[in-house]
């Protein structure tokens, strides 16, 4: 059975909004204050180790605009462009980025069917609303929170609005030289 692995850039106060600065928010691009080669290697390895991506519409559209024309020496862009991508959306009518499929039905049924397929694990990057929905349904198998030593004070919080308490078990801690810590949790 495939696993759903959520990966997020997150501030100490739980903000996940606009870590790369593409949304034009007040604090946009906050992750760039922490240059850490080990963190970049972690993100590269993480992407290379997963077979597919599950994305919300907003994250999908941002990625679909950014990645198709990119190349790099380590193969990250090739992986992003070639791997299967499943986009959860009730409004999107077409997904033109290579190897993309729209999932517009019931979230629990669609994701459960994906998990039951043969193949490797599925990575969920960004996609805050989707992560909240998957959390509510108990469909996340692992959370990887790259926690940056910054307090933003405002912005979208990862678990804001989740209606039920979700207990997590700490599986791994990886501190980086920048002060960033990668925390890995499994549902308890």
N, C-alpha and C. Protein backbone atom coordinates (compact mmCIF):
# COMPACT_ATOMS: atom_id res chain seq x y z
N UNK A 1 0.84 -1.19 0.00
CA UNK A 1 0.00 0.00 0.00
C UNK A 1 0.88 1.25 0.00
N UNK A 2 0.52 2.19 -0.84
CA UNK A 2 1.26 3.45 -0.92
C UNK A 2 0.94 4.32 0.30
N UNK A 3 1.91 5.17 0.64
CA UNK A 3 1.71 6.08 1.77
C UNK A 3 1.56 7.51 1.27
N UNK A 4 0.84 8.32 2.02
CA UNK A 4 0.72 9.75 1.76
C UNK A 4 1.68 10.45 2.72
N UNK A 5 2.65 11.18 2.16
CA UNK A 5 3.68 11.87 2.95
C UNK A 5 3.53 13.38 2.69
N UNK A 6 3.21 14.11 3.76
CA UNK A 6 3.07 15.56 3.68
C UNK A 6 4.42 16.19 3.99
N UNK A 7 4.85 17.13 3.16
CA UNK A 7 6.09 17.85 3.41
C UNK A 7 5.78 19.35 3.36
N UNK A 8 6.22 20.07 4.39
CA UNK A 8 5.91 21.49 4.49
C UNK A 8 7.10 22.28 5.00
N UNK A 9 7.24 23.50 4.49
CA UNK A 9 8.09 24.52 5.09
C UNK A 9 7.18 25.22 6.11
N UNK A 10 7.63 25.34 7.36
CA UNK A 10 6.76 25.89 8.40
C UNK A 10 7.58 26.74 9.36
N UNK A 11 6.99 27.84 9.80
CA UNK A 11 7.65 28.71 10.78
C UNK A 11 7.40 28.16 12.19
N UNK A 12 8.11 28.69 13.16
CA UNK A 12 7.91 28.25 14.55
C UNK A 12 6.48 28.47 15.02
N UNK A 13 5.81 29.48 14.48
CA UNK A 13 4.43 29.73 14.90
C UNK A 13 3.41 29.10 13.95
N UNK A 14 3.84 28.12 13.17
CA UNK A 14 2.92 27.31 12.38
C UNK A 14 2.51 27.87 11.03
N UNK A 15 3.16 28.94 10.57
CA UNK A 15 2.81 29.56 9.29
C UNK A 15 3.46 28.78 8.14
N UNK A 16 2.66 28.51 7.11
CA UNK A 16 3.15 27.82 5.92
C UNK A 16 2.95 28.66 4.65
N UNK A 17 2.39 29.83 4.80
CA UNK A 17 2.06 30.67 3.66
C UNK A 17 3.29 31.30 3.00
N UNK A 18 3.37 31.17 1.71
CA UNK A 18 4.31 31.87 0.84
C UNK A 18 5.79 31.73 1.23
N UNK A 19 6.25 30.51 1.48
CA UNK A 19 7.66 30.35 1.87
C UNK A 19 8.64 30.72 0.76
N UNK A 20 8.19 30.63 -0.50
CA UNK A 20 9.07 30.93 -1.62
C UNK A 20 8.92 32.32 -2.20
N UNK A 21 7.93 33.07 -1.72
CA UNK A 21 7.75 34.44 -2.15
C UNK A 21 6.97 34.64 -3.44
N UNK A 22 6.39 33.60 -3.99
CA UNK A 22 5.69 33.73 -5.27
C UNK A 22 4.27 34.30 -5.13
N UNK A 23 3.75 34.36 -3.90
CA UNK A 23 2.38 34.83 -3.71
C UNK A 23 2.29 36.32 -3.39
N UNK A 24 3.43 36.95 -3.16
CA UNK A 24 3.45 38.38 -2.92
C UNK A 24 2.91 38.81 -1.57
N UNK A 25 2.96 37.94 -0.58
CA UNK A 25 2.49 38.31 0.75
C UNK A 25 3.56 39.13 1.47
N UNK A 26 3.18 39.74 2.57
CA UNK A 26 4.08 40.62 3.33
C UNK A 26 5.38 39.93 3.72
N UNK A 27 5.30 38.69 4.15
CA UNK A 27 6.49 37.96 4.59
C UNK A 27 6.99 36.96 3.54
N UNK A 28 6.50 37.05 2.33
CA UNK A 28 6.83 36.09 1.29
C UNK A 28 8.33 35.88 1.11
N UNK A 29 8.71 34.63 0.90
CA UNK A 29 10.11 34.28 0.69
C UNK A 29 10.90 34.11 1.97
N UNK A 30 10.20 33.92 3.08
CA UNK A 30 10.86 33.84 4.39
C UNK A 30 11.85 32.69 4.51
N UNK A 31 11.74 31.64 3.74
CA UNK A 31 12.69 30.53 3.83
C UNK A 31 14.06 30.89 3.29
N UNK A 32 14.14 31.89 2.41
CA UNK A 32 15.41 32.25 1.80
C UNK A 32 16.39 32.91 2.77
N UNK A 33 15.92 33.26 3.96
CA UNK A 33 16.80 33.82 4.98
C UNK A 33 17.70 32.75 5.60
N UNK A 34 17.43 31.49 5.27
CA UNK A 34 18.14 30.36 5.89
C UNK A 34 18.76 29.49 4.81
N UNK A 35 19.92 29.88 4.35
CA UNK A 35 20.63 29.12 3.32
C UNK A 35 21.26 27.89 3.98
N UNK A 36 20.81 26.73 3.60
CA UNK A 36 21.31 25.51 4.22
C UNK A 36 21.44 24.40 3.18
N UNK A 37 22.67 24.10 2.73
CA UNK A 37 22.86 23.05 1.71
C UNK A 37 22.31 21.69 2.15
N UNK A 38 22.40 21.37 3.44
CA UNK A 38 21.85 20.09 3.91
C UNK A 38 20.33 20.05 3.75
N UNK A 39 19.69 21.18 3.98
CA UNK A 39 18.25 21.26 3.79
C UNK A 39 17.85 21.10 2.33
N UNK A 40 18.62 21.71 1.44
CA UNK A 40 18.34 21.58 0.01
C UNK A 40 18.55 20.14 -0.45
N UNK A 41 19.58 19.48 0.07
CA UNK A 41 19.83 18.08 -0.26
C UNK A 41 18.68 17.20 0.25
N UNK A 42 18.21 17.50 1.45
CA UNK A 42 17.08 16.76 2.01
C UNK A 42 15.87 16.86 1.07
N UNK A 43 15.56 18.09 0.61
CA UNK A 43 14.41 18.29 -0.27
C UNK A 43 14.61 17.59 -1.61
N UNK A 44 15.83 17.60 -2.13
CA UNK A 44 16.13 16.88 -3.37
C UNK A 44 15.90 15.38 -3.18
N UNK A 45 16.51 14.82 -2.14
CA UNK A 45 16.36 13.38 -1.88
C UNK A 45 14.91 13.00 -1.65
N UNK A 46 14.18 13.85 -0.94
CA UNK A 46 12.78 13.59 -0.65
C UNK A 46 11.97 13.48 -1.94
N UNK A 47 12.18 14.41 -2.85
CA UNK A 47 11.45 14.39 -4.12
C UNK A 47 11.85 13.17 -4.95
N UNK A 48 13.13 12.90 -5.01
CA UNK A 48 13.62 11.75 -5.79
C UNK A 48 13.09 10.42 -5.25
N UNK A 49 12.86 10.36 -3.94
CA UNK A 49 12.42 9.11 -3.30
C UNK A 49 10.93 8.84 -3.45
N UNK A 50 10.16 9.78 -3.95
CA UNK A 50 8.72 9.59 -4.08
C UNK A 50 8.35 9.37 -5.54
N UNK A 51 7.31 8.58 -5.72
CA UNK A 51 6.91 8.22 -7.07
C UNK A 51 5.95 9.22 -7.70
N UNK A 52 5.14 9.88 -6.87
CA UNK A 52 4.10 10.76 -7.40
C UNK A 52 3.88 11.91 -6.43
N UNK A 53 3.14 12.92 -6.92
CA UNK A 53 2.76 14.06 -6.08
C UNK A 53 1.24 14.18 -6.07
N UNK A 54 0.73 14.57 -4.91
CA UNK A 54 -0.68 14.89 -4.74
C UNK A 54 -0.72 16.36 -4.33
N UNK A 55 -1.43 17.17 -5.12
CA UNK A 55 -1.39 18.61 -4.92
C UNK A 55 -2.79 19.21 -4.93
N UNK A 56 -2.95 20.29 -4.18
CA UNK A 56 -4.15 21.10 -4.29
C UNK A 56 -4.05 21.96 -5.54
N UNK A 57 -5.15 22.55 -5.93
CA UNK A 57 -5.19 23.32 -7.18
C UNK A 57 -4.22 24.50 -7.18
N UNK A 58 -4.18 25.28 -6.11
CA UNK A 58 -3.33 26.47 -6.08
C UNK A 58 -1.86 26.09 -6.20
N UNK A 59 -1.42 25.11 -5.43
CA UNK A 59 -0.03 24.67 -5.50
C UNK A 59 0.26 24.08 -6.88
N UNK A 60 -0.66 23.28 -7.38
CA UNK A 60 -0.48 22.70 -8.71
C UNK A 60 -0.27 23.78 -9.76
N UNK A 61 -1.14 24.80 -9.75
CA UNK A 61 -1.03 25.85 -10.77
C UNK A 61 0.30 26.59 -10.66
N UNK A 62 0.77 26.83 -9.44
CA UNK A 62 2.07 27.48 -9.26
C UNK A 62 3.20 26.62 -9.78
N UNK A 63 3.17 25.34 -9.44
CA UNK A 63 4.20 24.41 -9.91
C UNK A 63 4.15 24.26 -11.43
N UNK A 64 2.93 24.14 -11.98
CA UNK A 64 2.76 23.95 -13.42
C UNK A 64 3.25 25.15 -14.21
N UNK A 65 3.21 26.32 -13.61
CA UNK A 65 3.73 27.52 -14.26
C UNK A 65 5.25 27.57 -14.17
N UNK A 66 5.80 27.11 -13.06
CA UNK A 66 7.23 27.27 -12.79
C UNK A 66 8.11 26.17 -13.38
N UNK A 67 7.68 24.92 -13.34
CA UNK A 67 8.60 23.81 -13.61
C UNK A 67 8.77 23.35 -15.06
N UNK A 68 7.79 23.41 -15.91
CA UNK A 68 7.97 22.83 -17.24
C UNK A 68 9.17 23.33 -18.03
N UNK A 69 9.56 24.57 -17.89
CA UNK A 69 10.69 25.08 -18.67
C UNK A 69 12.04 24.99 -17.97
N UNK A 70 12.07 24.42 -16.78
CA UNK A 70 13.31 24.40 -16.00
C UNK A 70 14.13 23.14 -16.23
N UNK A 71 15.44 23.33 -16.06
CA UNK A 71 16.38 22.21 -16.05
C UNK A 71 17.40 22.49 -14.95
N UNK A 72 18.09 21.46 -14.52
CA UNK A 72 19.15 21.62 -13.54
C UNK A 72 20.10 20.43 -13.66
N UNK A 73 21.24 20.56 -13.02
CA UNK A 73 22.27 19.53 -13.13
C UNK A 73 21.98 18.27 -12.32
N UNK A 74 21.17 18.39 -11.26
CA UNK A 74 20.94 17.25 -10.37
C UNK A 74 19.70 16.43 -10.73
N UNK A 75 18.90 16.89 -11.69
CA UNK A 75 17.75 16.12 -12.12
C UNK A 75 16.45 16.42 -11.39
N UNK A 76 16.45 17.43 -10.52
CA UNK A 76 15.23 17.77 -9.77
C UNK A 76 14.11 18.19 -10.73
N UNK A 77 14.41 19.08 -11.66
CA UNK A 77 13.39 19.54 -12.60
C UNK A 77 12.86 18.38 -13.45
N UNK A 78 13.73 17.51 -13.90
CA UNK A 78 13.28 16.34 -14.68
C UNK A 78 12.32 15.49 -13.86
N UNK A 79 12.64 15.27 -12.60
CA UNK A 79 11.78 14.47 -11.72
C UNK A 79 10.42 15.16 -11.55
N UNK A 80 10.44 16.46 -11.26
CA UNK A 80 9.19 17.20 -11.08
C UNK A 80 8.32 17.13 -12.34
N UNK A 81 8.94 17.25 -13.48
CA UNK A 81 8.19 17.27 -14.73
C UNK A 81 7.72 15.89 -15.18
N UNK A 82 8.42 14.84 -14.79
CA UNK A 82 8.06 13.51 -15.28
C UNK A 82 7.18 12.71 -14.33
N UNK A 83 7.27 12.98 -13.04
CA UNK A 83 6.53 12.13 -12.10
C UNK A 83 5.02 12.35 -12.23
N UNK A 84 4.22 11.32 -11.94
CA UNK A 84 2.76 11.48 -11.95
C UNK A 84 2.34 12.52 -10.92
N UNK A 85 1.40 13.38 -11.33
CA UNK A 85 0.89 14.42 -10.45
C UNK A 85 -0.63 14.30 -10.42
N UNK A 86 -1.18 14.25 -9.21
CA UNK A 86 -2.62 14.19 -9.02
C UNK A 86 -3.03 15.51 -8.37
N UNK A 87 -3.94 16.22 -9.02
CA UNK A 87 -4.37 17.52 -8.51
C UNK A 87 -5.82 17.41 -8.06
N UNK A 88 -6.05 17.75 -6.79
CA UNK A 88 -7.39 17.70 -6.21
C UNK A 88 -8.05 19.04 -6.46
N UNK A 89 -9.16 19.02 -7.23
CA UNK A 89 -9.84 20.27 -7.55
C UNK A 89 -11.27 20.01 -8.00
N UNK A 90 -12.17 20.83 -7.52
CA UNK A 90 -13.56 20.80 -8.00
C UNK A 90 -13.77 21.77 -9.14
N UNK A 91 -12.79 22.67 -9.37
CA UNK A 91 -12.97 23.72 -10.38
C UNK A 91 -12.08 23.58 -11.60
N UNK A 92 -10.96 22.93 -11.47
CA UNK A 92 -10.02 22.79 -12.59
C UNK A 92 -10.61 21.84 -13.63
N UNK A 93 -10.58 22.25 -14.89
CA UNK A 93 -11.15 21.41 -15.94
C UNK A 93 -10.09 20.74 -16.80
N UNK A 94 -8.87 21.27 -16.78
CA UNK A 94 -7.79 20.60 -17.49
C UNK A 94 -6.48 20.82 -16.76
N UNK A 95 -5.61 19.83 -16.89
CA UNK A 95 -4.29 19.86 -16.25
C UNK A 95 -3.26 19.50 -17.31
N UNK A 96 -2.63 20.51 -17.88
CA UNK A 96 -1.75 20.32 -19.03
C UNK A 96 -0.31 19.95 -18.69
N UNK A 97 0.10 20.14 -17.45
CA UNK A 97 1.47 19.81 -17.07
C UNK A 97 1.65 18.31 -17.24
N UNK A 98 2.77 17.92 -17.80
CA UNK A 98 3.06 16.52 -18.10
C UNK A 98 2.67 15.58 -16.95
N UNK A 99 1.98 14.51 -17.31
CA UNK A 99 1.68 13.43 -16.38
C UNK A 99 0.75 13.86 -15.24
N UNK A 100 -0.21 14.75 -15.52
CA UNK A 100 -1.13 15.25 -14.49
C UNK A 100 -2.52 14.69 -14.67
N UNK A 101 -3.17 14.39 -13.54
CA UNK A 101 -4.52 13.86 -13.51
C UNK A 101 -5.32 14.67 -12.50
N UNK A 102 -6.52 15.08 -12.87
CA UNK A 102 -7.40 15.81 -11.96
C UNK A 102 -8.23 14.81 -11.17
N UNK A 103 -8.29 15.01 -9.87
CA UNK A 103 -9.17 14.23 -8.98
C UNK A 103 -10.26 15.18 -8.51
N UNK A 104 -11.47 14.99 -9.00
CA UNK A 104 -12.55 15.92 -8.69
C UNK A 104 -13.68 15.28 -7.88
N UNK A 105 -13.55 14.00 -7.58
CA UNK A 105 -14.59 13.31 -6.82
C UNK A 105 -14.39 13.45 -5.32
N UNK A 106 -15.00 12.56 -4.59
CA UNK A 106 -14.92 12.55 -3.13
C UNK A 106 -13.46 12.35 -2.69
N UNK A 107 -12.95 13.27 -1.85
CA UNK A 107 -11.54 13.23 -1.46
C UNK A 107 -11.17 11.90 -0.81
N UNK A 108 -11.97 11.42 0.12
CA UNK A 108 -11.66 10.16 0.80
C UNK A 108 -11.57 9.01 -0.18
N UNK A 109 -12.53 8.92 -1.09
CA UNK A 109 -12.55 7.82 -2.06
C UNK A 109 -11.38 7.91 -3.04
N UNK A 110 -11.13 9.11 -3.55
CA UNK A 110 -10.06 9.31 -4.54
C UNK A 110 -8.69 8.98 -3.95
N UNK A 111 -8.41 9.49 -2.75
CA UNK A 111 -7.09 9.29 -2.15
C UNK A 111 -6.94 7.85 -1.66
N UNK A 112 -7.98 7.28 -1.13
CA UNK A 112 -7.92 5.87 -0.72
C UNK A 112 -7.62 4.99 -1.93
N UNK A 113 -8.24 5.26 -3.05
CA UNK A 113 -7.98 4.50 -4.28
C UNK A 113 -6.53 4.66 -4.71
N UNK A 114 -5.98 5.88 -4.62
CA UNK A 114 -4.56 6.09 -4.95
C UNK A 114 -3.65 5.28 -4.04
N UNK A 115 -3.96 5.29 -2.75
CA UNK A 115 -3.13 4.57 -1.78
C UNK A 115 -3.17 3.07 -2.02
N UNK A 116 -4.26 2.57 -2.54
CA UNK A 116 -4.41 1.13 -2.76
C UNK A 116 -3.74 0.65 -4.04
N UNK A 117 -3.34 1.56 -4.91
CA UNK A 117 -2.64 1.18 -6.15
C UNK A 117 -1.24 0.68 -5.83
N UNK A 118 -0.71 -0.10 -6.75
CA UNK A 118 0.70 -0.47 -6.66
C UNK A 118 1.55 0.76 -6.92
N UNK A 119 2.72 0.78 -6.34
CA UNK A 119 3.64 1.88 -6.60
C UNK A 119 4.23 2.44 -5.33
N UNK A 120 5.04 3.47 -5.51
CA UNK A 120 5.74 4.10 -4.40
C UNK A 120 4.89 5.15 -3.70
N UNK A 121 5.47 5.73 -2.68
CA UNK A 121 4.78 6.72 -1.87
C UNK A 121 4.47 7.99 -2.65
N UNK A 122 3.48 8.73 -2.15
CA UNK A 122 2.97 9.94 -2.78
C UNK A 122 3.27 11.13 -1.88
N UNK A 123 3.90 12.14 -2.44
CA UNK A 123 4.31 13.32 -1.69
C UNK A 123 3.29 14.44 -1.88
N UNK A 124 2.90 15.07 -0.76
CA UNK A 124 2.04 16.24 -0.79
C UNK A 124 2.88 17.43 -0.36
N UNK A 125 3.11 18.37 -1.26
CA UNK A 125 3.91 19.56 -0.96
C UNK A 125 2.99 20.77 -0.95
N UNK A 126 3.19 21.66 0.04
CA UNK A 126 2.32 22.84 0.13
C UNK A 126 0.89 22.40 0.31
N UNK A 127 -0.01 22.93 -0.52
CA UNK A 127 -1.39 22.44 -0.60
C UNK A 127 -2.09 22.41 0.76
N UNK A 128 -2.08 23.55 1.44
CA UNK A 128 -2.55 23.63 2.82
C UNK A 128 -3.98 23.14 3.00
N UNK A 129 -4.90 23.57 2.15
CA UNK A 129 -6.29 23.14 2.27
C UNK A 129 -6.41 21.63 2.09
N UNK A 130 -5.68 21.11 1.13
CA UNK A 130 -5.68 19.66 0.90
C UNK A 130 -5.14 18.93 2.12
N UNK A 131 -4.04 19.41 2.69
CA UNK A 131 -3.46 18.76 3.88
C UNK A 131 -4.46 18.75 5.02
N UNK A 132 -5.16 19.85 5.21
CA UNK A 132 -6.18 19.90 6.27
C UNK A 132 -7.25 18.84 6.04
N UNK A 133 -7.71 18.72 4.78
CA UNK A 133 -8.73 17.72 4.46
C UNK A 133 -8.23 16.30 4.66
N UNK A 134 -6.99 16.03 4.23
CA UNK A 134 -6.41 14.70 4.42
C UNK A 134 -6.23 14.38 5.89
N UNK A 135 -5.84 15.39 6.68
CA UNK A 135 -5.68 15.20 8.12
C UNK A 135 -7.02 14.86 8.76
N UNK A 136 -8.05 15.61 8.41
CA UNK A 136 -9.40 15.37 8.95
C UNK A 136 -9.86 13.94 8.65
N UNK A 137 -9.49 13.43 7.48
CA UNK A 137 -9.92 12.09 7.06
C UNK A 137 -8.99 10.98 7.54
N UNK A 138 -7.90 11.34 8.21
CA UNK A 138 -6.96 10.33 8.70
C UNK A 138 -6.20 9.65 7.58
N UNK A 139 -5.94 10.35 6.47
CA UNK A 139 -5.29 9.74 5.31
C UNK A 139 -3.80 10.03 5.20
N UNK A 140 -3.25 10.84 6.11
CA UNK A 140 -1.82 11.15 6.07
C UNK A 140 -1.06 10.09 6.86
N UNK A 141 -0.02 9.53 6.25
CA UNK A 141 0.81 8.51 6.89
C UNK A 141 2.06 9.09 7.53
N UNK A 142 2.48 10.27 7.05
CA UNK A 142 3.69 10.87 7.59
C UNK A 142 3.67 12.37 7.33
N UNK A 143 4.11 13.13 8.32
CA UNK A 143 4.28 14.58 8.19
C UNK A 143 5.77 14.88 8.31
N UNK A 144 6.31 15.63 7.36
CA UNK A 144 7.70 16.09 7.41
C UNK A 144 7.65 17.61 7.44
N UNK A 145 7.95 18.17 8.59
CA UNK A 145 7.84 19.60 8.80
C UNK A 145 9.23 20.21 8.90
N UNK A 146 9.65 20.92 7.86
CA UNK A 146 10.93 21.62 7.87
C UNK A 146 10.67 22.94 8.60
N UNK A 147 11.01 22.95 9.88
CA UNK A 147 10.64 24.03 10.79
C UNK A 147 11.76 25.06 10.87
N UNK A 148 11.46 26.28 10.41
CA UNK A 148 12.45 27.35 10.34
C UNK A 148 12.41 28.20 11.60
N UNK A 149 13.56 28.68 12.06
CA UNK A 149 13.62 29.47 13.29
C UNK A 149 13.20 30.92 13.06
N UNK A 150 11.93 31.08 12.75
CA UNK A 150 11.38 32.41 12.50
C UNK A 150 9.93 32.43 12.99
N UNK A 151 9.53 33.55 13.56
CA UNK A 151 8.14 33.77 13.96
C UNK A 151 7.59 34.84 13.03
N UNK A 152 6.55 34.51 12.28
CA UNK A 152 5.99 35.44 11.30
C UNK A 152 4.78 36.21 11.84
N UNK A 153 4.06 35.62 12.77
CA UNK A 153 2.95 36.33 13.40
C UNK A 153 1.65 36.35 12.63
N UNK A 154 1.71 36.18 11.32
CA UNK A 154 0.50 36.20 10.52
C UNK A 154 0.69 35.34 9.28
N UNK A 155 -0.43 34.86 8.76
CA UNK A 155 -0.40 34.03 7.57
C UNK A 155 -1.16 32.74 7.80
N UNK A 156 -1.26 31.94 6.76
CA UNK A 156 -1.98 30.66 6.85
C UNK A 156 -1.20 29.70 7.74
N UNK A 157 -1.92 29.12 8.68
CA UNK A 157 -1.34 28.12 9.56
C UNK A 157 -1.72 26.74 9.03
N UNK A 158 -0.81 25.80 9.15
CA UNK A 158 -1.01 24.48 8.56
C UNK A 158 -2.28 23.81 9.04
N UNK A 159 -2.51 23.76 10.33
CA UNK A 159 -3.64 22.99 10.84
C UNK A 159 -4.80 23.85 11.30
N UNK A 160 -4.81 25.12 10.94
CA UNK A 160 -5.90 26.01 11.32
C UNK A 160 -7.22 25.47 10.80
N UNK A 161 -8.19 25.38 11.68
CA UNK A 161 -9.52 24.92 11.29
C UNK A 161 -9.72 23.42 11.30
N UNK A 162 -8.68 22.63 11.59
CA UNK A 162 -8.86 21.19 11.71
C UNK A 162 -9.73 20.96 12.93
N UNK A 163 -10.84 20.24 12.77
CA UNK A 163 -11.87 20.18 13.81
C UNK A 163 -11.59 19.19 14.93
N UNK A 164 -10.77 18.20 14.69
CA UNK A 164 -10.53 17.18 15.70
C UNK A 164 -9.06 17.14 16.07
N UNK A 165 -8.78 16.85 17.31
CA UNK A 165 -7.39 16.70 17.74
C UNK A 165 -6.77 15.50 17.03
N UNK A 166 -5.55 15.67 16.57
CA UNK A 166 -4.82 14.59 15.92
C UNK A 166 -3.51 14.41 16.67
N UNK A 167 -3.35 13.28 17.30
CA UNK A 167 -2.13 13.00 18.06
C UNK A 167 -1.09 12.43 17.11
N UNK A 168 0.12 12.97 17.21
CA UNK A 168 1.21 12.53 16.35
C UNK A 168 2.33 11.95 17.20
N UNK A 169 3.09 11.05 16.61
CA UNK A 169 4.23 10.43 17.27
C UNK A 169 5.50 10.87 16.54
N UNK A 170 6.45 11.41 17.30
CA UNK A 170 7.70 11.87 16.71
C UNK A 170 8.51 10.67 16.22
N UNK A 171 8.87 10.69 14.93
CA UNK A 171 9.62 9.59 14.33
C UNK A 171 11.08 9.94 14.09
N UNK A 172 11.37 11.24 13.86
CA UNK A 172 12.75 11.63 13.57
C UNK A 172 12.92 13.12 13.76
N UNK A 173 14.13 13.51 14.15
CA UNK A 173 14.51 14.91 14.29
C UNK A 173 15.84 15.08 13.59
N UNK A 174 15.89 16.04 12.66
CA UNK A 174 17.13 16.31 11.94
C UNK A 174 17.42 17.80 12.03
N UNK A 175 18.34 18.20 12.93
CA UNK A 175 18.71 19.61 13.01
C UNK A 175 19.68 19.98 11.89
N UNK A 176 19.53 21.18 11.36
CA UNK A 176 20.40 21.69 10.31
C UNK A 176 21.23 22.85 10.86
N UNK A 177 22.33 23.15 10.20
CA UNK A 177 23.24 24.21 10.67
C UNK A 177 22.59 25.58 10.74
N UNK A 178 21.58 25.82 9.93
CA UNK A 178 20.91 27.12 9.89
C UNK A 178 20.01 27.35 11.10
N UNK A 179 19.79 26.31 11.90
CA UNK A 179 18.83 26.39 12.99
C UNK A 179 17.49 25.80 12.62
N UNK A 180 17.32 25.48 11.36
CA UNK A 180 16.12 24.80 10.90
C UNK A 180 16.16 23.36 11.41
N UNK A 181 14.99 22.82 11.73
CA UNK A 181 14.89 21.44 12.21
C UNK A 181 13.83 20.72 11.38
N UNK A 182 14.19 19.55 10.88
CA UNK A 182 13.21 18.73 10.14
C UNK A 182 12.62 17.74 11.13
N UNK A 183 11.33 17.90 11.37
CA UNK A 183 10.60 17.03 12.30
C UNK A 183 9.71 16.09 11.50
N UNK A 184 9.85 14.80 11.77
CA UNK A 184 9.03 13.80 11.09
C UNK A 184 8.09 13.16 12.10
N UNK A 185 6.81 13.17 11.78
CA UNK A 185 5.77 12.63 12.66
C UNK A 185 4.94 11.59 11.92
N UNK A 186 4.47 10.61 12.67
CA UNK A 186 3.48 9.64 12.17
C UNK A 186 2.22 9.79 13.03
N UNK A 187 1.06 9.53 12.47
CA UNK A 187 -0.14 9.52 13.31
C UNK A 187 0.01 8.46 14.40
N UNK A 188 -0.39 8.84 15.60
CA UNK A 188 -0.25 7.90 16.75
C UNK A 188 -1.32 6.83 16.70
